Amino acid sequence: MASDYAFRSMVAADLPLIQRWLAMPHVLEWWGDPEQQYALVSGDLTEANMHQFIISTAGNPFGYLQSYNLTDWNTGLGTQPKGTRGIDLFIGDPNMIGRGHGTALIRCFVDDLLEKGLPRVVTDPDPANTRAIRAYEKAGFEKHGPVETPDGPALLMVRDP
């Protein structure tokens, strides 16, 4: 299943799709105010250290993933090895939820980063988001404990090579 995913760099033409996904109840639950999140995501298109992707399978886009240099964006995740990247994502298409895509796409994306020599990849889901936590665990991430971020409490999860 992992080889079935494509991660295409997001472009301005993708913003209407992102806006639609951010308004979906299952995304809004964990990402918060869609207008605020849209402003952040669209503003990050010009950030050199924020890489944004549209995730697709069989040519159909169904999710968003951002990967960032933690040195530039570390907001409460503690000291990490130089070169560590953080990731955040959501599955926008509700028909793709609960089918194992989260775990598989996370593993696919992170395996590639680690094979390229990155020392670590981290993420910080809401501690109540058990679906996301389980997907990250199944993709090889380990829980490293609670952290306080500007968005509130989070669970630091880490994957090393």
C-alpha atoms as a PDB file:
ATOM      1  CA  MET A   1       0.000   0.000   0.000  1.00  0.00           C
ATOM      2  CA  ALA A   2       2.813   2.469   0.832  1.00  0.00           C
ATOM      3  CA  SER A   3       4.120   2.549  -2.742  1.00  0.00           C
ATOM      4  CA  ASP A   4       0.663   3.679  -3.872  1.00  0.00           C
ATOM      5  CA  TYR A   5       1.102   7.203  -2.446  1.00  0.00           C
ATOM      6  CA  ALA A   6       2.306  10.313  -4.218  1.00  0.00           C
ATOM      7  CA  PHE A   7       3.424  13.450  -2.370  1.00  0.00           C
ATOM      8  CA  ARG A   8       3.206  16.380  -4.760  1.00  0.00           C
ATOM      9  CA  SER A   9       4.449  19.812  -3.738  1.00  0.00           C
ATOM     10  CA  MET A  10       1.476  22.006  -2.978  1.00  0.00           C
ATOM     11  CA  VAL A  11       0.937  25.076  -5.184  1.00  0.00           C
ATOM     12  CA  ALA A  12      -1.409  28.056  -5.021  1.00  0.00           C
ATOM     13  CA  ALA A  13      -3.882  26.266  -7.306  1.00  0.00           C
ATOM     14  CA  ASP A  14      -4.388  23.701  -4.485  1.00  0.00           C
ATOM     15  CA  LEU A  15      -5.639  26.313  -2.015  1.00  0.00           C
ATOM     16  CA  PRO A  16      -9.375  25.913  -2.825  1.00  0.00           C
ATOM     17  CA  LEU A  17      -9.047  22.182  -2.127  1.00  0.00           C
ATOM     18  CA  ILE A  18      -7.213  22.868   1.145  1.00  0.00           C
ATOM     19  CA  GLN A  19      -9.876  25.397   2.125  1.00  0.00           C
ATOM     20  CA  ARG A  20     -12.627  22.841   1.461  1.00  0.00           C
ATOM     21  CA  TRP A  21     -10.836  20.159   3.476  1.00  0.00           C
ATOM     22  CA  LEU A  22     -10.169  22.456   6.442  1.00  0.00           C
ATOM     23  CA  ALA A  23     -13.927  23.062   6.711  1.00  0.00           C
ATOM     24  CA  MET A  24     -14.710  19.322   6.923  1.00  0.00           C
ATOM     25  CA  PRO A  25     -15.910  18.344  10.438  1.00  0.00           C
ATOM     26  CA  HIS A  26     -13.289  15.600  10.875  1.00  0.00           C
ATOM     27  CA  VAL A  27     -10.447  18.042  10.030  1.00  0.00           C
ATOM     28  CA  LEU A  28     -11.920  20.984  11.934  1.00  0.00           C
ATOM     29  CA  GLU A  29     -12.102  18.818  15.080  1.00  0.00           C
ATOM     30  CA  TRP A  30      -8.295  18.654  15.336  1.00  0.00           C
ATOM     31  CA  TRP A  31      -7.022  21.572  13.243  1.00  0.00           C
ATOM     32  CA  GLY A  32      -9.377  24.200  14.618  1.00  0.00           C
ATOM     33  CA  ASP A  33     -10.762  27.325  13.021  1.00  0.00           C
ATOM     34  CA  PRO A  34     -10.720  26.762   9.240  1.00  0.00           C
ATOM     35  CA  GLU A  35     -10.163  30.422   8.365  1.00  0.00           C
ATOM     36  CA  GLN A  36      -7.223  30.748  10.739  1.00  0.00           C
ATOM     37  CA  GLN A  37      -5.693  27.476   9.535  1.00  0.00           C
ATOM     38  CA  TYR A  38      -6.222  28.451   5.902  1.00  0.00           C
ATOM     39  CA  ALA A  39      -4.383  31.724   6.512  1.00  0.00           C
ATOM     40  CA  LEU A  40      -1.466  29.817   8.075  1.00  0.00           C
ATOM     41  CA  VAL A  41      -1.302  27.108   5.407  1.00  0.00           C
ATOM     42  CA  SER A  42      -1.620  29.534   2.500  1.00  0.00           C
ATOM     43  CA  GLY A  43       0.937  31.879   4.083  1.00  0.00           C
ATOM     44  CA  ASP A  44       3.415  29.016   4.388  1.00  0.00           C
ATOM     45  CA  LEU A  45       3.581  28.579   0.597  1.00  0.00           C
ATOM     46  CA  THR A  46       6.401  31.135   0.555  1.00  0.00           C
ATOM     47  CA  GLU A  47       8.291  29.739   3.569  1.00  0.00           C
ATOM     48  CA  ALA A  48      11.537  28.103   2.415  1.00  0.00           C
ATOM     49  CA  ASN A  49      11.728  25.702   5.377  1.00  0.00           C
ATOM     50  CA  MET A  50       8.096  24.577   5.205  1.00  0.00           C
ATOM     51  CA  HIS A  51       7.448  21.891   2.616  1.00  0.00           C
ATOM     52  CA  GLN A  52       3.776  21.305   1.873  1.00  0.00           C
ATOM     53  CA  PHE A  53       2.378  18.346  -0.038  1.00  0.00           C
ATOM     54  CA  ILE A  54      -0.877  17.124  -1.489  1.00  0.00           C
ATOM     55  CA  ILE A  55      -1.156  13.393  -0.878  1.00  0.00           C
ATOM     56  CA  SER A  56      -2.813  11.262  -3.518  1.00  0.00           C
ATOM     57  CA  THR A  57      -3.370   7.655  -4.402  1.00  0.00           C
ATOM     58  CA  ALA A  58      -4.378   6.368  -7.832  1.00  0.00           C
ATOM     59  CA  GLY A  59      -4.244   9.979  -9.008  1.00  0.00           C
ATOM     60  CA  ASN A  60      -6.868  11.152  -6.498  1.00  0.00           C
ATOM     61  CA  PRO A  61      -5.844  13.801  -3.965  1.00  0.00           C
ATOM     62  CA  PHE A  62      -7.068  13.023  -0.467  1.00  0.00           C
ATOM     63  CA  GLY A  63      -4.799  14.702   2.086  1.00  0.00           C
ATOM     64  CA  TYR A  64      -2.331  17.378   3.124  1.00  0.00           C
ATOM     65  CA  LEU A  65       1.076  17.000   4.761  1.00  0.00           C
ATOM     66  CA  GLN A  66       3.550  19.619   5.912  1.00  0.00           C
ATOM     67  CA  SER A  67       7.164  18.945   6.794  1.00  0.00           C
ATOM     68  CA  TYR A  68       9.316  21.609   8.401  1.00  0.00           C
ATOM     69  CA  ASN A  69      12.801  22.145   9.713  1.00  0.00           C
ATOM     70  CA  LEU A  70      12.326  21.917  13.476  1.00  0.00           C
ATOM     71  CA  THR A  71      15.201  24.326  14.123  1.00  0.00           C
ATOM     72  CA  ASP A  72      13.161  27.070  12.426  1.00  0.00           C
ATOM     73  CA  TRP A  73       9.732  26.063  13.745  1.00  0.00           C
ATOM     74  CA  ASN A  74      10.349  24.476  17.168  1.00  0.00           C
ATOM     75  CA  THR A  75       7.489  25.610  19.337  1.00  0.00           C
ATOM     76  CA  GLY A  76       7.712  23.647  22.547  1.00  0.00           C
ATOM     77  CA  LEU A  77       9.047  20.308  21.312  1.00  0.00           C
ATOM     78  CA  GLY A  78      12.290  20.495  23.263  1.00  0.00           C
ATOM     79  CA  THR A  79      15.872  20.005  22.165  1.00  0.00           C
ATOM     80  CA  GLN A  80      16.156  17.752  19.113  1.00  0.00           C
ATOM     81  CA  PRO A  81      19.082  16.672  16.934  1.00  0.00           C
ATOM     82  CA  LYS A  82      20.139  19.169  14.254  1.00  0.00           C
ATOM     83  CA  GLY A  83      18.280  18.376  11.025  1.00  0.00           C
ATOM     84  CA  THR A  84      15.158  17.033  12.740  1.00  0.00           C
ATOM     85  CA  ARG A  85      11.950  17.631  10.797  1.00  0.00           C
ATOM     86  CA  GLY A  86       8.447  17.947  12.147  1.00  0.00           C
ATOM     87  CA  ILE A  87       5.365  16.763  10.309  1.00  0.00           C
ATOM     88  CA  ASP A  88       1.654  17.478  10.502  1.00  0.00           C
ATOM     89  CA  LEU A  89      -1.038  16.122   8.249  1.00  0.00           C
ATOM     90  CA  PHE A  90      -4.690  15.459   7.731  1.00  0.00           C
ATOM     91  CA  ILE A  91      -6.780  13.268   5.495  1.00  0.00           C
ATOM     92  CA  GLY A  92      -9.239  15.615   3.842  1.00  0.00           C
ATOM     93  CA  ASP A  93     -11.433  13.118   2.025  1.00  0.00           C
ATOM     94  CA  PRO A  94     -13.727  11.537   4.642  1.00  0.00           C
ATOM     95  CA  ASN A  95     -14.067   8.396   2.496  1.00  0.00           C
ATOM     96  CA  MET A  96     -10.358   7.685   3.051  1.00  0.00           C
ATOM     97  CA  ILE A  97     -10.534   7.663   6.872  1.00  0.00           C
ATOM     98  CA  GLY A  98     -10.423   4.409   8.815  1.00  0.00           C
ATOM     99  CA  ARG A  99      -8.903   2.418   5.946  1.00  0.00           C
ATOM    100  CA  GLY A 100      -5.246   2.340   7.032  1.00  0.00           C
ATOM    101  CA  HIS A 101      -4.153   5.188   4.774  1.00  0.00           C
ATOM    102  CA  GLY A 102      -2.892   7.350   7.648  1.00  0.00           C
ATOM    103  CA  THR A 103      -0.434   4.754   8.920  1.00  0.00           C
ATOM    104  CA  ALA A 104       0.675   3.755   5.421  1.00  0.00           C
ATOM    105  CA  LEU A 105       1.249   7.272   4.108  1.00  0.00           C
ATOM    106  CA  ILE A 106       3.063   8.344   7.290  1.00  0.00           C
ATOM    107  CA  ARG A 107       5.364   5.340   7.053  1.00  0.00           C
ATOM    108  CA  CYS A 108       5.992   5.960   3.345  1.00  0.00           C
ATOM    109  CA  PHE A 109       6.812   9.650   3.795  1.00  0.00           C
ATOM    110  CA  VAL A 110       8.929   9.259   6.947  1.00  0.00           C
ATOM    111  CA  ASP A 111      10.835   6.208   5.679  1.00  0.00           C
ATOM    112  CA  ASP A 112      11.922   8.332   2.714  1.00  0.00           C
ATOM    113  CA  LEU A 113      13.099  11.192   4.973  1.00  0.00           C
ATOM    114  CA  LEU A 114      15.071   8.851   7.230  1.00  0.00           C
ATOM    115  CA  GLU A 115      16.617   7.003   4.270  1.00  0.00           C
ATOM    116  CA  LYS A 116      17.888  10.397   3.042  1.00  0.00           C
ATOM    117  CA  GLY A 117      19.826  10.782   6.288  1.00  0.00           C
ATOM    118  CA  LEU A 118      17.568  12.820   8.570  1.00  0.00           C
ATOM    119  CA  PRO A 119      18.356  12.098  12.221  1.00  0.00           C
ATOM    120  CA  ARG A 120      14.766  12.245  13.483  1.00  0.00           C
ATOM    121  CA  VAL A 121      11.164  13.083  12.571  1.00  0.00           C
ATOM    122  CA  VAL A 122       8.738  14.360  15.213  1.00  0.00           C
ATOM    123  CA  THR A 123       5.052  15.155  15.442  1.00  0.00           C
ATOM    124  CA  ASP A 124       2.796  16.534  18.156  1.00  0.00           C
ATOM    125  CA  PRO A 125      -0.822  15.361  17.978  1.00  0.00           C
ATOM    126  CA  ASP A 126      -3.454  16.450  20.452  1.00  0.00           C
ATOM    127  CA  PRO A 127      -3.361  13.920  23.332  1.00  0.00           C
ATOM    128  CA  ALA A 128      -7.089  13.259  22.795  1.00  0.00           C
ATOM    129  CA  ASN A 129      -6.628  12.409  19.107  1.00  0.00           C
ATOM    130  CA  THR A 130      -6.344   8.668  19.637  1.00  0.00           C
ATOM    131  CA  ARG A 131      -6.812   7.869  15.930  1.00  0.00           C
ATOM    132  CA  ALA A 132      -3.780   9.986  14.958  1.00  0.00           C
ATOM    133  CA  ILE A 133      -1.677   8.689  17.840  1.00  0.00           C
ATOM    134  CA  ARG A 134      -2.403   5.106  16.879  1.00  0.00           C
ATOM    135  CA  ALA A 135      -1.576   5.781  13.205  1.00  0.00           C
ATOM    136  CA  TYR A 136       1.770   7.334  14.169  1.00  0.00           C
ATOM    137  CA  GLU A 137       2.571   4.436  16.522  1.00  0.00           C
ATOM    138  CA  LYS A 138       1.781   1.894  13.806  1.00  0.00           C
ATOM    139  CA  ALA A 139       4.092   3.894  11.499  1.00  0.00           C
ATOM    140  CA  GLY A 140       6.981   3.468  13.954  1.00  0.00           C
ATOM    141  CA  PHE A 141       6.727   6.605  16.114  1.00  0.00           C
ATOM    142  CA  GLU A 142       7.243   6.361  19.866  1.00  0.00           C
ATOM    143  CA  LYS A 143       5.535   8.453  22.515  1.00  0.00           C
ATOM    144  CA  HIS A 144       7.997  10.778  24.266  1.00  0.00           C
ATOM    145  CA  GLY A 145       5.574  12.438  26.634  1.00  0.00           C
ATOM    146  CA  PRO A 146       3.438  15.533  26.954  1.00  0.00           C
ATOM    147  CA  VAL A 147       4.610  18.941  25.762  1.00  0.00           C
ATOM    148  CA  GLU A 148       3.101  22.400  25.876  1.00  0.00           C
ATOM    149  CA  THR A 149       2.881  24.155  22.507  1.00  0.00           C
ATOM    150  CA  PRO A 150       1.393  27.518  21.479  1.00  0.00           C
ATOM    151  CA  ASP A 151      -1.674  25.516  20.374  1.00  0.00           C
ATOM    152  CA  GLY A 152      -2.013  23.863  23.785  1.00  0.00           C
ATOM    153  CA  PRO A 153      -1.062  20.487  25.215  1.00  0.00           C
ATOM    154  CA  ALA A 154       0.343  17.936  22.773  1.00  0.00           C
ATOM    155  CA  LEU A 155       1.964  14.528  22.784  1.00  0.00           C
ATOM    156  CA  LEU A 156       5.527  14.540  21.440  1.00  0.00           C
ATOM    157  CA  MET A 157       6.055  11.517  19.207  1.00  0.00           C
ATOM    158  CA  VAL A 158       9.449  10.622  17.720  1.00  0.00           C
ATOM    159  CA  ARG A 159      10.744   8.379  14.977  1.00  0.00           C
ATOM    160  CA  ASP A 160      14.470   7.741  14.611  1.00  0.00           C
ATOM    161  CA  PRO A 161      16.224   5.761  11.857  1.00  0.00           C
END
